[in-house]
Amino acid sequence: MGRAEVPECSRSSLFLMDQDAHGNWVVQDQRGVCGGLFADRATELRFAMHENGNRPQTVVMVPGVFELDMKRGPDNIHKLPHTIGHQHNRRAA
């Protein structure tokens, strides 16, 4: 029997989570590869723990409103939400 392949999500270093502006619980991996909206915090946490190989140190609650960003992806790892202290790239008008 061969080894099971590790899902792409579990290779992420962090899973970020909090509520969005509508009260949904949001979880998204740092690389923007996977995530979702959940009705309650327990289900959101269970998803994040399952996807990261049951490593609680890789699940981080972010302060403020946290919106699910489906436009991010593995190529845009530097574009983390501003709510955790990272700045977005700015363009001149």
N, C-alpha and C. Protein backbone atom coordinates (compact mmCIF):
# COMPACT_ATOMS: atom_id res chain seq x y z
N MET A 1 0.85 -1.18 0.00
CA MET A 1 0.00 0.00 0.00
C MET A 1 0.89 1.24 0.00
N GLY A 2 0.68 2.18 -0.93
CA GLY A 2 1.51 3.37 -1.06
C GLY A 2 1.10 4.46 -0.08
N ARG A 3 1.98 5.41 0.08
CA ARG A 3 1.68 6.54 0.94
C ARG A 3 0.65 7.46 0.29
N ALA A 4 -0.24 7.98 1.10
CA ALA A 4 -1.24 8.91 0.58
C ALA A 4 -0.56 10.23 0.25
N GLU A 5 -1.01 10.85 -0.82
CA GLU A 5 -0.45 12.13 -1.22
C GLU A 5 -0.97 13.22 -0.28
N VAL A 6 -0.09 14.13 0.12
CA VAL A 6 -0.46 15.22 1.02
C VAL A 6 -1.23 16.27 0.23
N PRO A 7 -2.42 16.67 0.72
CA PRO A 7 -3.20 17.69 0.01
C PRO A 7 -2.43 19.01 -0.07
N GLU A 8 -2.67 19.76 -1.14
CA GLU A 8 -1.99 21.05 -1.35
C GLU A 8 -2.22 21.99 -0.17
N CYS A 9 -3.41 22.00 0.41
CA CYS A 9 -3.72 22.89 1.52
C CYS A 9 -2.79 22.67 2.71
N SER A 10 -2.50 21.43 3.03
CA SER A 10 -1.74 21.14 4.23
C SER A 10 -0.30 21.61 4.14
N ARG A 11 0.15 21.99 2.96
CA ARG A 11 1.51 22.49 2.79
C ARG A 11 1.63 23.96 3.17
N SER A 12 0.51 24.61 3.44
CA SER A 12 0.53 26.02 3.81
C SER A 12 1.08 26.19 5.21
N SER A 13 1.71 27.33 5.46
CA SER A 13 2.29 27.55 6.77
C SER A 13 1.27 28.03 7.80
N LEU A 14 0.25 28.76 7.38
CA LEU A 14 -0.75 29.29 8.31
C LEU A 14 -2.15 29.20 7.75
N PHE A 15 -3.11 29.03 8.65
CA PHE A 15 -4.52 29.17 8.32
C PHE A 15 -5.05 30.34 9.13
N LEU A 16 -5.60 31.35 8.44
CA LEU A 16 -6.11 32.55 9.06
C LEU A 16 -7.62 32.42 9.21
N MET A 17 -8.16 32.88 10.35
CA MET A 17 -9.60 32.75 10.54
C MET A 17 -10.17 33.86 11.41
N ASP A 18 -11.42 34.21 11.12
CA ASP A 18 -12.21 35.16 11.89
C ASP A 18 -13.55 35.31 11.18
N GLN A 19 -14.35 36.27 11.59
CA GLN A 19 -15.66 36.48 10.97
C GLN A 19 -15.58 37.56 9.91
N ASP A 20 -16.45 37.40 8.87
CA ASP A 20 -16.54 38.44 7.85
C ASP A 20 -17.58 39.47 8.26
N ALA A 21 -17.83 40.45 7.41
CA ALA A 21 -18.77 41.53 7.70
C ALA A 21 -20.21 41.05 7.86
N HIS A 22 -20.51 39.84 7.38
CA HIS A 22 -21.86 39.29 7.47
C HIS A 22 -22.02 38.31 8.62
N GLY A 23 -20.98 38.12 9.42
CA GLY A 23 -21.05 37.22 10.56
C GLY A 23 -20.70 35.77 10.25
N ASN A 24 -20.33 35.48 8.99
CA ASN A 24 -19.88 34.13 8.64
C ASN A 24 -18.47 33.92 9.17
N TRP A 25 -18.15 32.70 9.52
CA TRP A 25 -16.79 32.37 9.94
C TRP A 25 -15.98 32.04 8.69
N VAL A 26 -14.84 32.68 8.54
CA VAL A 26 -13.99 32.55 7.36
C VAL A 26 -12.66 31.94 7.77
N VAL A 27 -12.21 30.97 6.98
CA VAL A 27 -10.86 30.43 7.15
C VAL A 27 -10.22 30.36 5.77
N GLN A 28 -8.96 30.76 5.69
CA GLN A 28 -8.23 30.69 4.43
C GLN A 28 -6.76 30.47 4.74
N ASP A 29 -6.15 29.60 3.96
CA ASP A 29 -4.72 29.38 4.16
C ASP A 29 -3.95 30.59 3.66
N GLN A 30 -2.76 30.76 4.19
CA GLN A 30 -1.93 31.92 3.90
C GLN A 30 -1.64 32.08 2.42
N ARG A 31 -1.53 30.97 1.70
CA ARG A 31 -1.21 31.04 0.28
C ARG A 31 -2.43 31.27 -0.60
N GLY A 32 -3.62 31.22 -0.04
CA GLY A 32 -4.83 31.43 -0.83
C GLY A 32 -5.24 30.23 -1.65
N VAL A 33 -4.74 29.04 -1.29
CA VAL A 33 -5.05 27.83 -2.04
C VAL A 33 -6.39 27.25 -1.63
N CYS A 34 -6.73 27.31 -0.35
CA CYS A 34 -8.01 26.76 0.09
C CYS A 34 -8.58 27.56 1.25
N GLY A 35 -9.84 27.38 1.49
CA GLY A 35 -10.52 28.08 2.57
C GLY A 35 -12.02 27.93 2.39
N GLY A 36 -12.77 28.65 3.19
CA GLY A 36 -14.21 28.57 3.06
C GLY A 36 -14.96 29.42 4.06
N LEU A 37 -16.28 29.45 3.91
CA LEU A 37 -17.19 30.13 4.82
C LEU A 37 -17.91 29.09 5.64
N PHE A 38 -18.08 29.35 6.92
CA PHE A 38 -18.70 28.38 7.82
C PHE A 38 -19.73 29.07 8.70
N ALA A 39 -20.74 28.33 9.11
CA ALA A 39 -21.81 28.87 9.94
C ALA A 39 -21.38 29.07 11.39
N ASP A 40 -20.40 28.30 11.86
CA ASP A 40 -19.96 28.45 13.24
C ASP A 40 -18.46 28.23 13.37
N ARG A 41 -17.92 28.72 14.46
CA ARG A 41 -16.48 28.68 14.69
C ARG A 41 -15.96 27.25 14.84
N ALA A 42 -16.72 26.38 15.48
CA ALA A 42 -16.28 24.99 15.69
C ALA A 42 -16.05 24.27 14.37
N THR A 43 -16.96 24.45 13.41
CA THR A 43 -16.82 23.81 12.11
C THR A 43 -15.64 24.41 11.34
N GLU A 44 -15.48 25.71 11.44
CA GLU A 44 -14.35 26.39 10.80
C GLU A 44 -13.02 25.86 11.34
N LEU A 45 -12.93 25.75 12.64
CA LEU A 45 -11.70 25.26 13.27
C LEU A 45 -11.44 23.79 12.91
N ARG A 46 -12.50 22.99 12.88
CA ARG A 46 -12.35 21.58 12.50
C ARG A 46 -11.81 21.45 11.07
N PHE A 47 -12.30 22.29 10.15
CA PHE A 47 -11.81 22.29 8.77
C PHE A 47 -10.32 22.65 8.73
N ALA A 48 -9.95 23.74 9.40
CA ALA A 48 -8.55 24.19 9.39
C ALA A 48 -7.63 23.12 9.98
N MET A 49 -8.03 22.50 11.07
CA MET A 49 -7.22 21.47 11.70
C MET A 49 -7.09 20.24 10.80
N HIS A 50 -8.17 19.88 10.13
CA HIS A 50 -8.12 18.74 9.21
C HIS A 50 -7.18 19.02 8.04
N GLU A 51 -7.27 20.21 7.48
CA GLU A 51 -6.47 20.57 6.31
C GLU A 51 -4.99 20.74 6.62
N ASN A 52 -4.65 21.11 7.86
CA ASN A 52 -3.24 21.36 8.17
C ASN A 52 -2.56 20.20 8.91
N GLY A 53 -3.20 19.06 8.96
CA GLY A 53 -2.59 17.91 9.61
C GLY A 53 -2.67 17.97 11.12
N ASN A 54 -3.71 18.59 11.66
CA ASN A 54 -3.96 18.69 13.10
C ASN A 54 -2.82 19.41 13.83
N ARG A 55 -2.40 20.55 13.28
CA ARG A 55 -1.33 21.35 13.90
C ARG A 55 -1.93 22.67 14.39
N PRO A 56 -2.33 22.75 15.66
CA PRO A 56 -3.00 23.96 16.17
C PRO A 56 -2.14 25.22 16.09
N GLN A 57 -0.82 25.07 16.10
CA GLN A 57 0.06 26.24 16.03
C GLN A 57 -0.01 26.94 14.68
N THR A 58 -0.63 26.32 13.68
CA THR A 58 -0.72 26.94 12.36
C THR A 58 -2.08 27.58 12.09
N VAL A 59 -2.95 27.64 13.11
CA VAL A 59 -4.25 28.27 12.98
C VAL A 59 -4.22 29.57 13.78
N VAL A 60 -4.46 30.70 13.09
CA VAL A 60 -4.33 32.02 13.70
C VAL A 60 -5.63 32.79 13.56
N MET A 61 -6.14 33.30 14.69
CA MET A 61 -7.29 34.21 14.67
C MET A 61 -6.76 35.60 14.34
N VAL A 62 -7.35 36.25 13.34
CA VAL A 62 -6.94 37.60 12.98
C VAL A 62 -7.91 38.61 13.58
N PRO A 63 -7.43 39.78 13.98
CA PRO A 63 -8.31 40.80 14.56
C PRO A 63 -9.14 41.50 13.48
N GLY A 64 -10.31 41.91 13.84
CA GLY A 64 -11.15 42.68 12.92
C GLY A 64 -11.89 41.80 11.94
N VAL A 65 -12.41 42.41 10.89
CA VAL A 65 -13.19 41.72 9.87
C VAL A 65 -12.23 41.03 8.90
N PHE A 66 -12.51 39.78 8.58
CA PHE A 66 -11.66 38.99 7.69
C PHE A 66 -12.51 38.44 6.56
N GLU A 67 -12.30 38.93 5.36
CA GLU A 67 -13.10 38.52 4.20
C GLU A 67 -12.39 37.41 3.43
N LEU A 68 -13.14 36.45 2.93
CA LEU A 68 -12.60 35.39 2.09
C LEU A 68 -12.18 36.02 0.77
N ASP A 69 -10.95 35.82 0.37
CA ASP A 69 -10.41 36.42 -0.84
C ASP A 69 -10.08 35.33 -1.84
N MET A 70 -10.99 35.07 -2.76
CA MET A 70 -10.80 34.02 -3.76
C MET A 70 -9.92 34.47 -4.91
N LYS A 71 -9.52 35.73 -4.94
CA LYS A 71 -8.65 36.23 -6.01
C LYS A 71 -7.18 35.96 -5.71
N ARG A 72 -6.88 35.73 -4.44
CA ARG A 72 -5.49 35.40 -4.09
C ARG A 72 -5.20 33.98 -4.53
N GLY A 73 -3.95 33.68 -4.65
CA GLY A 73 -3.54 32.34 -5.02
C GLY A 73 -2.10 32.13 -4.64
N PRO A 74 -1.54 31.00 -4.96
CA PRO A 74 -0.16 30.71 -4.59
C PRO A 74 0.85 31.74 -5.10
N ASP A 75 0.54 32.40 -6.21
CA ASP A 75 1.47 33.39 -6.75
C ASP A 75 1.38 34.73 -6.04
N ASN A 76 0.36 34.92 -5.22
CA ASN A 76 0.16 36.19 -4.53
C ASN A 76 0.28 36.05 -3.03
N ILE A 77 1.21 35.27 -2.56
CA ILE A 77 1.37 34.99 -1.13
C ILE A 77 1.61 36.24 -0.31
N HIS A 78 2.23 37.25 -0.88
CA HIS A 78 2.56 38.47 -0.16
C HIS A 78 1.35 39.34 0.11
N LYS A 79 0.22 39.08 -0.50
CA LYS A 79 -0.96 39.91 -0.35
C LYS A 79 -1.87 39.38 0.76
N LEU A 80 -1.39 39.38 1.99
CA LEU A 80 -2.19 38.94 3.12
C LEU A 80 -3.12 40.06 3.55
N PRO A 81 -4.19 39.73 4.27
CA PRO A 81 -5.13 40.76 4.72
C PRO A 81 -4.44 41.81 5.59
N HIS A 82 -4.85 43.07 5.43
CA HIS A 82 -4.23 44.15 6.20
C HIS A 82 -4.53 44.02 7.69
N THR A 83 -5.52 43.23 8.06
CA THR A 83 -5.90 43.09 9.46
C THR A 83 -4.85 42.37 10.29
N ILE A 84 -3.86 41.75 9.66
CA ILE A 84 -2.82 41.08 10.45
C ILE A 84 -1.49 41.80 10.32
N GLY A 85 -1.53 43.07 9.94
CA GLY A 85 -0.33 43.89 9.97
C GLY A 85 0.50 43.93 8.70
N HIS A 86 0.04 43.32 7.62
CA HIS A 86 0.78 43.38 6.36
C HIS A 86 0.18 44.48 5.50
N GLN A 87 1.01 45.13 4.70
CA GLN A 87 0.53 46.18 3.83
C GLN A 87 0.30 45.65 2.42
N HIS A 88 -0.73 46.18 1.78
CA HIS A 88 -1.01 45.83 0.39
C HIS A 88 -0.07 46.61 -0.50
N ASN A 89 0.20 46.07 -1.68
CA ASN A 89 0.99 46.82 -2.66
C ASN A 89 0.16 48.01 -3.13
N ARG A 90 0.82 49.13 -3.32
CA ARG A 90 0.11 50.33 -3.77
C ARG A 90 0.58 50.70 -5.15
N ARG A 91 -0.35 51.21 -5.97
CA ARG A 91 -0.03 51.67 -7.31
C ARG A 91 -0.26 53.17 -7.37
N ALA A 92 0.57 53.84 -8.14
CA ALA A 92 0.38 55.27 -8.35
C ALA A 92 -0.78 55.49 -9.29
N ALA A 93 -1.55 56.53 -9.02
CA ALA A 93 -2.73 56.82 -9.86
C ALA A 93 -2.33 57.56 -11.12
